[in-house]
N, C-alpha and C. Protein backbone atom coordinates (compact mmCIF):
# COMPACT_ATOMS: atom_id res chain seq x y z
N MET A 1 11.08 224.84 -67.98
CA MET A 1 11.46 224.27 -66.69
C MET A 1 12.15 222.93 -66.92
N TYR A 2 13.32 222.78 -66.40
CA TYR A 2 14.08 221.55 -66.54
C TYR A 2 13.74 220.60 -65.40
N GLN A 3 13.60 219.33 -65.74
CA GLN A 3 13.32 218.33 -64.72
C GLN A 3 13.97 217.02 -65.12
N LEU A 4 14.21 216.18 -64.11
CA LEU A 4 14.71 214.83 -64.36
C LEU A 4 13.53 213.88 -64.43
N ILE A 5 13.57 213.01 -65.43
CA ILE A 5 12.56 211.97 -65.55
C ILE A 5 13.25 210.64 -65.81
N LEU A 6 12.56 209.56 -65.48
CA LEU A 6 13.06 208.25 -65.86
C LEU A 6 12.91 208.10 -67.37
N PRO A 7 13.81 207.38 -68.01
CA PRO A 7 13.70 207.17 -69.46
C PRO A 7 12.34 206.59 -69.84
N THR A 8 11.81 207.08 -70.95
CA THR A 8 10.47 206.68 -71.39
C THR A 8 10.42 206.55 -72.90
N ALA A 9 9.61 205.62 -73.38
CA ALA A 9 9.44 205.40 -74.82
C ALA A 9 8.85 206.63 -75.51
N LYS A 10 8.16 207.46 -74.76
CA LYS A 10 7.54 208.66 -75.31
C LYS A 10 8.58 209.59 -75.96
N LEU A 11 9.83 209.52 -75.48
CA LEU A 11 10.87 210.43 -75.98
C LEU A 11 11.87 209.74 -76.90
N LYS A 12 11.46 208.67 -77.54
CA LYS A 12 12.37 207.92 -78.42
C LYS A 12 12.96 208.81 -79.51
N ALA A 13 12.15 209.62 -80.17
CA ALA A 13 12.65 210.48 -81.25
C ALA A 13 13.70 211.45 -80.72
N SER A 14 13.47 212.02 -79.55
CA SER A 14 14.44 212.94 -78.96
C SER A 14 15.72 212.20 -78.58
N TYR A 15 15.58 210.98 -78.06
CA TYR A 15 16.75 210.17 -77.71
C TYR A 15 17.57 209.86 -78.96
N ASP A 16 16.90 209.45 -80.02
CA ASP A 16 17.61 209.13 -81.27
C ASP A 16 18.35 210.36 -81.79
N ALA A 17 17.73 211.54 -81.68
CA ALA A 17 18.39 212.77 -82.13
C ALA A 17 19.61 213.07 -81.25
N TYR A 18 19.51 212.84 -79.95
CA TYR A 18 20.62 213.03 -79.01
C TYR A 18 21.79 212.14 -79.42
N ILE A 19 21.52 210.86 -79.64
CA ILE A 19 22.58 209.92 -80.03
C ILE A 19 23.20 210.34 -81.36
N ALA A 20 22.38 210.77 -82.31
CA ALA A 20 22.90 211.22 -83.60
C ALA A 20 23.81 212.43 -83.43
N GLU A 21 23.44 213.36 -82.54
CA GLU A 21 24.28 214.54 -82.29
C GLU A 21 25.63 214.16 -81.71
N LEU A 22 25.67 213.11 -80.91
CA LEU A 22 26.94 212.70 -80.31
C LEU A 22 27.92 212.21 -81.36
N GLY A 23 27.43 211.69 -82.46
CA GLY A 23 28.32 211.23 -83.52
C GLY A 23 29.36 210.27 -83.00
N SER A 24 30.63 210.62 -83.18
CA SER A 24 31.73 209.74 -82.75
C SER A 24 32.20 210.04 -81.33
N GLU A 25 31.56 210.99 -80.65
CA GLU A 25 31.91 211.29 -79.25
C GLU A 25 31.69 210.06 -78.38
N GLU A 26 32.44 209.99 -77.29
CA GLU A 26 32.20 208.94 -76.31
C GLU A 26 30.77 209.10 -75.79
N ARG A 27 30.05 208.00 -75.73
CA ARG A 27 28.68 208.04 -75.22
C ARG A 27 28.73 207.81 -73.73
N TYR A 28 28.59 208.88 -72.97
CA TYR A 28 28.76 208.86 -71.52
C TYR A 28 27.62 209.65 -70.92
N PRO A 29 27.02 209.22 -69.82
CA PRO A 29 27.32 208.04 -69.03
C PRO A 29 26.93 206.76 -69.75
N PHE A 30 27.34 205.63 -69.18
CA PHE A 30 27.29 204.36 -69.90
C PHE A 30 25.93 203.97 -70.48
N PRO A 31 24.78 204.31 -69.90
CA PRO A 31 23.53 203.90 -70.56
C PRO A 31 23.37 204.48 -71.97
N LEU A 32 24.03 205.60 -72.27
CA LEU A 32 23.94 206.15 -73.62
C LEU A 32 24.62 205.23 -74.64
N ASP A 33 25.46 204.33 -74.16
CA ASP A 33 26.18 203.43 -75.04
C ASP A 33 25.42 202.11 -75.25
N PHE A 34 24.28 201.94 -74.61
CA PHE A 34 23.50 200.72 -74.77
C PHE A 34 22.93 200.66 -76.19
N GLU A 35 22.83 199.45 -76.71
CA GLU A 35 22.17 199.24 -77.99
C GLU A 35 20.73 199.77 -77.87
N HIS A 36 20.33 200.63 -78.81
CA HIS A 36 19.02 201.26 -78.67
C HIS A 36 18.09 201.03 -79.87
N ARG A 37 18.49 200.17 -80.80
CA ARG A 37 17.59 199.89 -81.94
C ARG A 37 16.30 199.24 -81.44
N ASP A 38 16.42 198.39 -80.41
CA ASP A 38 15.23 197.86 -79.74
C ASP A 38 15.05 198.72 -78.49
N PHE A 39 14.33 199.82 -78.67
CA PHE A 39 14.24 200.84 -77.63
C PHE A 39 13.61 200.31 -76.35
N GLU A 40 12.56 199.51 -76.48
CA GLU A 40 11.90 198.95 -75.29
C GLU A 40 12.86 198.06 -74.51
N ALA A 41 13.68 197.27 -75.21
CA ALA A 41 14.66 196.41 -74.53
C ALA A 41 15.70 197.26 -73.80
N MET A 42 16.10 198.38 -74.41
CA MET A 42 17.05 199.27 -73.75
C MET A 42 16.44 199.85 -72.48
N LEU A 43 15.19 200.30 -72.57
CA LEU A 43 14.52 200.85 -71.39
C LEU A 43 14.39 199.80 -70.30
N ASP A 44 14.10 198.57 -70.69
CA ASP A 44 13.99 197.47 -69.73
C ASP A 44 15.33 197.21 -69.05
N ARG A 45 16.40 197.27 -69.82
CA ARG A 45 17.75 197.07 -69.26
C ARG A 45 18.08 198.16 -68.24
N ILE A 46 17.78 199.41 -68.58
CA ILE A 46 18.02 200.53 -67.67
C ILE A 46 17.21 200.36 -66.38
N GLU A 47 15.96 199.92 -66.52
CA GLU A 47 15.10 199.71 -65.35
C GLU A 47 15.63 198.58 -64.48
N GLY A 48 16.14 197.52 -65.08
CA GLY A 48 16.70 196.40 -64.32
C GLY A 48 17.91 196.81 -63.49
N ILE A 49 18.69 197.74 -64.01
CA ILE A 49 19.84 198.25 -63.25
C ILE A 49 19.36 199.17 -62.13
N ARG A 50 18.31 199.95 -62.41
CA ARG A 50 17.76 200.86 -61.40
C ARG A 50 17.14 200.10 -60.23
N ASN A 51 16.37 199.06 -60.54
CA ASN A 51 15.69 198.35 -59.45
C ASN A 51 16.53 197.23 -58.86
N GLY A 52 17.73 197.03 -59.40
CA GLY A 52 18.67 196.07 -58.82
C GLY A 52 18.48 194.63 -59.25
N THR A 53 17.57 194.37 -60.19
CA THR A 53 17.32 192.98 -60.60
C THR A 53 18.27 192.48 -61.68
N ARG A 54 18.88 193.40 -62.44
CA ARG A 54 19.78 192.98 -63.53
C ARG A 54 20.99 193.90 -63.60
N VAL A 55 21.80 193.86 -62.56
CA VAL A 55 23.01 194.68 -62.50
C VAL A 55 24.18 193.86 -63.05
N PRO A 56 24.85 194.33 -64.10
CA PRO A 56 25.98 193.57 -64.66
C PRO A 56 27.11 193.39 -63.65
N ASP A 57 27.86 192.31 -63.79
CA ASP A 57 29.02 192.06 -62.93
C ASP A 57 29.97 193.26 -62.98
N GLY A 58 30.47 193.65 -61.81
CA GLY A 58 31.40 194.76 -61.71
C GLY A 58 30.73 196.12 -61.60
N PHE A 59 29.43 196.16 -61.84
CA PHE A 59 28.67 197.40 -61.75
C PHE A 59 27.92 197.43 -60.42
N VAL A 60 27.31 198.56 -60.13
CA VAL A 60 26.47 198.69 -58.95
C VAL A 60 25.10 199.20 -59.40
N GLN A 61 24.13 199.03 -58.54
CA GLN A 61 22.79 199.54 -58.82
C GLN A 61 22.88 201.03 -59.09
N SER A 62 22.20 201.49 -60.13
CA SER A 62 22.24 202.91 -60.47
C SER A 62 20.94 203.32 -61.15
N SER A 63 20.65 204.60 -61.06
CA SER A 63 19.45 205.16 -61.69
C SER A 63 19.85 206.11 -62.79
N THR A 64 19.24 205.93 -63.95
CA THR A 64 19.47 206.82 -65.09
C THR A 64 18.26 207.74 -65.22
N PHE A 65 18.55 209.01 -65.42
CA PHE A 65 17.51 210.01 -65.63
C PHE A 65 17.85 210.83 -66.87
N TRP A 66 16.83 211.33 -67.51
CA TRP A 66 17.01 212.29 -68.58
C TRP A 66 16.55 213.65 -68.07
N MET A 67 17.35 214.68 -68.32
CA MET A 67 16.90 216.04 -68.04
C MET A 67 16.15 216.51 -69.28
N VAL A 68 14.92 216.94 -69.08
CA VAL A 68 14.07 217.31 -70.21
C VAL A 68 13.49 218.71 -70.02
N ALA A 69 13.12 219.28 -71.14
CA ALA A 69 12.34 220.52 -71.19
C ALA A 69 11.47 220.42 -72.44
N ASP A 70 10.19 220.61 -72.27
CA ASP A 70 9.26 220.56 -73.41
C ASP A 70 9.42 219.28 -74.24
N ASP A 71 9.46 218.15 -73.58
CA ASP A 71 9.57 216.84 -74.25
C ASP A 71 10.83 216.70 -75.11
N GLU A 72 11.86 217.44 -74.78
CA GLU A 72 13.15 217.33 -75.47
C GLU A 72 14.19 216.92 -74.44
N ILE A 73 14.98 215.90 -74.77
CA ILE A 73 16.05 215.47 -73.86
C ILE A 73 17.21 216.44 -73.99
N ILE A 74 17.60 217.03 -72.86
CA ILE A 74 18.69 218.00 -72.80
C ILE A 74 19.98 217.33 -72.35
N GLY A 75 19.86 216.36 -71.46
CA GLY A 75 21.05 215.69 -70.92
C GLY A 75 20.66 214.38 -70.27
N CYS A 76 21.69 213.65 -69.85
CA CYS A 76 21.51 212.34 -69.23
C CYS A 76 22.41 212.26 -68.00
N THR A 77 21.89 211.67 -66.94
CA THR A 77 22.68 211.45 -65.74
C THR A 77 22.47 210.03 -65.25
N ASN A 78 23.54 209.46 -64.71
CA ASN A 78 23.49 208.13 -64.13
C ASN A 78 24.02 208.25 -62.71
N ILE A 79 23.19 207.89 -61.73
CA ILE A 79 23.53 208.04 -60.32
C ILE A 79 23.68 206.66 -59.70
N ARG A 80 24.89 206.38 -59.25
CA ARG A 80 25.16 205.09 -58.62
C ARG A 80 24.69 205.15 -57.17
N HIS A 81 23.93 204.15 -56.77
CA HIS A 81 23.34 204.14 -55.43
C HIS A 81 24.39 203.94 -54.35
N ARG A 82 25.47 203.29 -54.70
CA ARG A 82 26.58 203.09 -53.77
C ARG A 82 27.84 202.95 -54.62
N LEU A 83 28.98 202.93 -53.97
CA LEU A 83 30.25 202.77 -54.67
C LEU A 83 30.88 201.44 -54.31
N ASN A 84 31.47 200.77 -55.29
CA ASN A 84 32.36 199.66 -54.99
C ASN A 84 33.78 200.22 -55.05
N ALA A 85 34.78 199.41 -54.75
CA ALA A 85 36.15 199.92 -54.68
C ALA A 85 36.59 200.53 -56.01
N GLN A 86 36.25 199.89 -57.11
CA GLN A 86 36.67 200.39 -58.42
C GLN A 86 36.05 201.74 -58.73
N ILE A 87 34.74 201.88 -58.49
CA ILE A 87 34.05 203.12 -58.82
C ILE A 87 34.42 204.24 -57.84
N GLU A 88 34.72 203.88 -56.59
CA GLU A 88 35.18 204.89 -55.65
C GLU A 88 36.54 205.43 -56.10
N TYR A 89 37.38 204.53 -56.62
CA TYR A 89 38.70 204.95 -57.09
C TYR A 89 38.57 205.84 -58.33
N CYS A 90 37.77 205.43 -59.28
CA CYS A 90 37.62 206.20 -60.51
C CYS A 90 36.22 205.99 -61.08
N GLY A 91 35.42 207.02 -61.00
CA GLY A 91 34.05 206.96 -61.51
C GLY A 91 33.11 207.81 -60.68
N GLY A 92 33.06 207.53 -59.39
CA GLY A 92 32.23 208.33 -58.50
C GLY A 92 30.75 207.98 -58.59
N HIS A 93 29.95 208.77 -57.89
CA HIS A 93 28.51 208.52 -57.80
C HIS A 93 27.75 208.94 -59.06
N ILE A 94 28.20 210.00 -59.72
CA ILE A 94 27.38 210.59 -60.78
C ILE A 94 28.20 210.73 -62.06
N GLY A 95 27.62 210.24 -63.15
CA GLY A 95 28.16 210.49 -64.48
C GLY A 95 27.07 211.20 -65.26
N LEU A 96 27.43 212.22 -66.01
CA LEU A 96 26.40 212.95 -66.74
C LEU A 96 26.96 213.53 -68.03
N SER A 97 26.05 213.90 -68.91
CA SER A 97 26.44 214.61 -70.12
C SER A 97 25.28 215.47 -70.60
N VAL A 98 25.63 216.54 -71.29
CA VAL A 98 24.65 217.44 -71.88
C VAL A 98 24.69 217.22 -73.39
N ARG A 99 23.54 217.17 -73.98
CA ARG A 99 23.41 217.00 -75.43
C ARG A 99 24.19 218.11 -76.14
N PRO A 100 24.94 217.78 -77.19
CA PRO A 100 25.80 218.78 -77.84
C PRO A 100 25.11 220.09 -78.21
N SER A 101 23.90 220.05 -78.71
CA SER A 101 23.23 221.29 -79.13
C SER A 101 22.78 222.15 -77.96
N PHE A 102 22.93 221.66 -76.73
CA PHE A 102 22.53 222.43 -75.55
C PHE A 102 23.72 222.80 -74.67
N ARG A 103 24.92 222.56 -75.15
CA ARG A 103 26.11 222.86 -74.35
C ARG A 103 26.41 224.36 -74.38
N ARG A 104 27.26 224.78 -73.44
CA ARG A 104 27.72 226.17 -73.29
C ARG A 104 26.57 227.12 -72.93
N GLN A 105 25.60 226.57 -72.20
CA GLN A 105 24.47 227.37 -71.74
C GLN A 105 24.28 227.27 -70.22
N GLY A 106 25.25 226.65 -69.54
CA GLY A 106 25.15 226.48 -68.10
C GLY A 106 24.25 225.33 -67.68
N LEU A 107 23.83 224.51 -68.63
CA LEU A 107 22.89 223.43 -68.31
C LEU A 107 23.54 222.26 -67.61
N GLY A 108 24.85 222.13 -67.73
CA GLY A 108 25.56 221.09 -66.98
C GLY A 108 25.41 221.32 -65.48
N ILE A 109 25.48 222.58 -65.08
CA ILE A 109 25.30 222.92 -63.66
C ILE A 109 23.90 222.53 -63.21
N LYS A 110 22.89 222.86 -64.01
CA LYS A 110 21.51 222.50 -63.66
C LYS A 110 21.36 220.98 -63.57
N LEU A 111 21.96 220.27 -64.53
CA LEU A 111 21.87 218.81 -64.53
C LEU A 111 22.55 218.23 -63.30
N LEU A 112 23.70 218.75 -62.92
CA LEU A 112 24.38 218.25 -61.72
C LEU A 112 23.58 218.60 -60.47
N GLN A 113 23.02 219.80 -60.40
CA GLN A 113 22.20 220.17 -59.24
C GLN A 113 21.02 219.21 -59.06
N LEU A 114 20.33 218.92 -60.15
CA LEU A 114 19.20 217.99 -60.08
C LEU A 114 19.67 216.58 -59.72
N SER A 115 20.84 216.20 -60.22
CA SER A 115 21.41 214.88 -59.91
C SER A 115 21.75 214.78 -58.44
N LEU A 116 22.29 215.85 -57.88
CA LEU A 116 22.64 215.85 -56.46
C LEU A 116 21.39 215.74 -55.59
N GLU A 117 20.28 216.36 -56.02
CA GLU A 117 19.02 216.21 -55.29
C GLU A 117 18.59 214.74 -55.28
N GLN A 118 18.71 214.08 -56.41
CA GLN A 118 18.36 212.65 -56.48
C GLN A 118 19.30 211.83 -55.61
N ALA A 119 20.58 212.15 -55.63
CA ALA A 119 21.56 211.43 -54.80
C ALA A 119 21.20 211.58 -53.32
N ARG A 120 20.81 212.77 -52.92
CA ARG A 120 20.40 213.02 -51.54
C ARG A 120 19.18 212.15 -51.19
N GLU A 121 18.22 212.06 -52.12
CA GLU A 121 17.03 211.23 -51.88
C GLU A 121 17.39 209.75 -51.76
N LEU A 122 18.48 209.33 -52.40
CA LEU A 122 18.95 207.95 -52.29
C LEU A 122 19.70 207.70 -50.99
N GLY A 123 19.93 208.76 -50.20
CA GLY A 123 20.62 208.61 -48.93
C GLY A 123 22.13 208.79 -49.01
N ILE A 124 22.61 209.25 -50.14
CA ILE A 124 24.05 209.51 -50.29
C ILE A 124 24.38 210.77 -49.50
N GLN A 125 25.34 210.67 -48.59
CA GLN A 125 25.69 211.81 -47.75
C GLN A 125 26.83 212.63 -48.32
N THR A 126 27.79 211.97 -48.93
CA THR A 126 28.91 212.66 -49.57
C THR A 126 29.03 212.10 -50.98
N ALA A 127 28.78 212.95 -51.97
CA ALA A 127 28.85 212.50 -53.36
C ALA A 127 30.28 212.62 -53.87
N HIS A 128 30.77 211.54 -54.44
CA HIS A 128 32.07 211.52 -55.10
C HIS A 128 31.82 211.83 -56.57
N ILE A 129 32.41 212.90 -57.08
CA ILE A 129 32.24 213.31 -58.47
C ILE A 129 33.62 213.40 -59.10
N HIS A 130 33.81 212.70 -60.20
CA HIS A 130 35.12 212.64 -60.86
C HIS A 130 35.01 213.14 -62.29
N CYS A 131 36.10 213.70 -62.80
CA CYS A 131 36.15 214.10 -64.21
C CYS A 131 37.60 214.08 -64.68
N HIS A 132 37.78 214.01 -65.99
CA HIS A 132 39.14 214.08 -66.53
C HIS A 132 39.70 215.47 -66.25
N LYS A 133 40.95 215.52 -65.85
CA LYS A 133 41.57 216.79 -65.47
C LYS A 133 41.51 217.81 -66.60
N HIS A 134 41.67 217.36 -67.84
CA HIS A 134 41.69 218.28 -68.98
C HIS A 134 40.30 218.84 -69.31
N ASN A 135 39.24 218.30 -68.71
CA ASN A 135 37.89 218.75 -69.00
C ASN A 135 37.55 219.95 -68.11
N VAL A 136 37.95 221.11 -68.58
CA VAL A 136 37.81 222.34 -67.81
C VAL A 136 36.33 222.63 -67.50
N ALA A 137 35.45 222.39 -68.47
CA ALA A 137 34.02 222.67 -68.26
C ALA A 137 33.46 221.79 -67.14
N SER A 138 33.83 220.52 -67.11
CA SER A 138 33.34 219.63 -66.05
C SER A 138 33.87 220.06 -64.69
N ARG A 139 35.14 220.40 -64.63
CA ARG A 139 35.70 220.85 -63.35
C ARG A 139 34.98 222.09 -62.85
N ALA A 140 34.74 223.05 -63.74
CA ALA A 140 34.04 224.29 -63.36
C ALA A 140 32.62 223.99 -62.89
N MET A 141 31.94 223.06 -63.57
CA MET A 141 30.58 222.68 -63.20
C MET A 141 30.56 222.07 -61.80
N ILE A 142 31.48 221.15 -61.54
CA ILE A 142 31.54 220.49 -60.24
C ILE A 142 31.82 221.51 -59.14
N GLU A 143 32.76 222.40 -59.38
CA GLU A 143 33.10 223.42 -58.38
C GLU A 143 31.94 224.38 -58.17
N ALA A 144 31.20 224.72 -59.23
CA ALA A 144 30.04 225.61 -59.10
C ALA A 144 28.94 224.99 -58.25
N CYS A 145 28.93 223.66 -58.18
CA CYS A 145 27.91 222.95 -57.39
C CYS A 145 28.43 222.57 -56.01
N GLY A 146 29.55 223.16 -55.59
CA GLY A 146 30.06 222.92 -54.25
C GLY A 146 31.13 221.86 -54.15
N GLY A 147 31.61 221.38 -55.27
CA GLY A 147 32.64 220.35 -55.26
C GLY A 147 33.94 220.85 -54.66
N VAL A 148 34.50 220.06 -53.76
CA VAL A 148 35.78 220.36 -53.13
C VAL A 148 36.79 219.35 -53.65
N PHE A 149 37.89 219.86 -54.20
CA PHE A 149 38.91 218.97 -54.75
C PHE A 149 39.42 218.05 -53.66
N HIS A 150 39.46 216.76 -53.97
CA HIS A 150 39.91 215.75 -53.02
C HIS A 150 41.27 215.20 -53.40
N SER A 151 41.42 214.79 -54.67
CA SER A 151 42.68 214.18 -55.09
C SER A 151 42.68 214.02 -56.61
N GLU A 152 43.85 213.64 -57.09
CA GLU A 152 44.01 213.38 -58.51
C GLU A 152 44.65 212.02 -58.67
N ILE A 153 44.18 211.26 -59.65
CA ILE A 153 44.74 209.94 -59.90
C ILE A 153 45.11 209.81 -61.37
N ASN A 154 45.96 208.83 -61.65
CA ASN A 154 46.29 208.48 -63.02
C ASN A 154 45.55 207.19 -63.34
N ASP A 155 44.59 207.28 -64.25
CA ASP A 155 43.81 206.11 -64.64
C ASP A 155 44.22 205.71 -66.06
N ASN A 156 45.13 204.75 -66.13
CA ASN A 156 45.61 204.26 -67.43
C ASN A 156 46.11 205.39 -68.33
N GLY A 157 46.89 206.30 -67.76
CA GLY A 157 47.48 207.38 -68.53
C GLY A 157 46.64 208.64 -68.61
N SER A 158 45.45 208.62 -68.05
CA SER A 158 44.58 209.79 -68.07
C SER A 158 44.45 210.32 -66.64
N LEU A 159 44.72 211.61 -66.46
CA LEU A 159 44.60 212.20 -65.13
C LEU A 159 43.13 212.49 -64.82
N VAL A 160 42.71 212.05 -63.64
CA VAL A 160 41.33 212.21 -63.21
C VAL A 160 41.32 213.02 -61.92
N SER A 161 40.52 214.10 -61.92
CA SER A 161 40.33 214.93 -60.73
C SER A 161 39.13 214.39 -59.97
N ARG A 162 39.31 214.22 -58.66
CA ARG A 162 38.24 213.67 -57.82
C ARG A 162 37.79 214.74 -56.83
N TYR A 163 36.47 214.93 -56.77
CA TYR A 163 35.85 215.93 -55.91
C TYR A 163 34.85 215.27 -54.97
N LEU A 164 34.58 215.96 -53.87
CA LEU A 164 33.55 215.55 -52.92
C LEU A 164 32.54 216.69 -52.78
N ILE A 165 31.26 216.32 -52.67
CA ILE A 165 30.21 217.30 -52.41
C ILE A 165 29.37 216.77 -51.25
N GLU A 166 29.35 217.53 -50.16
CA GLU A 166 28.56 217.14 -48.98
C GLU A 166 27.07 217.39 -49.27
N LEU A 167 26.25 216.39 -49.00
CA LEU A 167 24.82 216.49 -49.27
C LEU A 167 23.98 216.55 -48.01
N THR A 168 24.60 216.48 -46.83
CA THR A 168 23.84 216.47 -45.58
C THR A 168 23.58 217.87 -45.09
């Protein structure tokens, strides 16, 4: 059974394995890119962004969750509680990724479904979900979860597809 949990020190070994699997891949969503050698400090940083006490300039309050099964981290999602102009333009409410060894199993859809449930609990009525146009798997995942194409933008030479998902 897959579920979303808040990051916890109990899963440090699984987190380290996830990061190792990513290798030179972009670490997305952004909490995966945090320095993690001091794991407790990383967890504290994530919690400060979630509870709104330590949100970096230019960012918005957001909640990071790990999708787990049997104490193994399968994926990571970051849900922004609101959008600022920059994130509404390019970024959206939800950023997520599936651990490389668990890809191509439909788990991105499950992760997005669980993320949308959390977004609904945060009071988000229309979720803005964005992905790079060339990322066919992400586009298919968003559409499978009810995403309706809204627009396409050029973000510094990269085409980004923007979708909306009604949560009400």
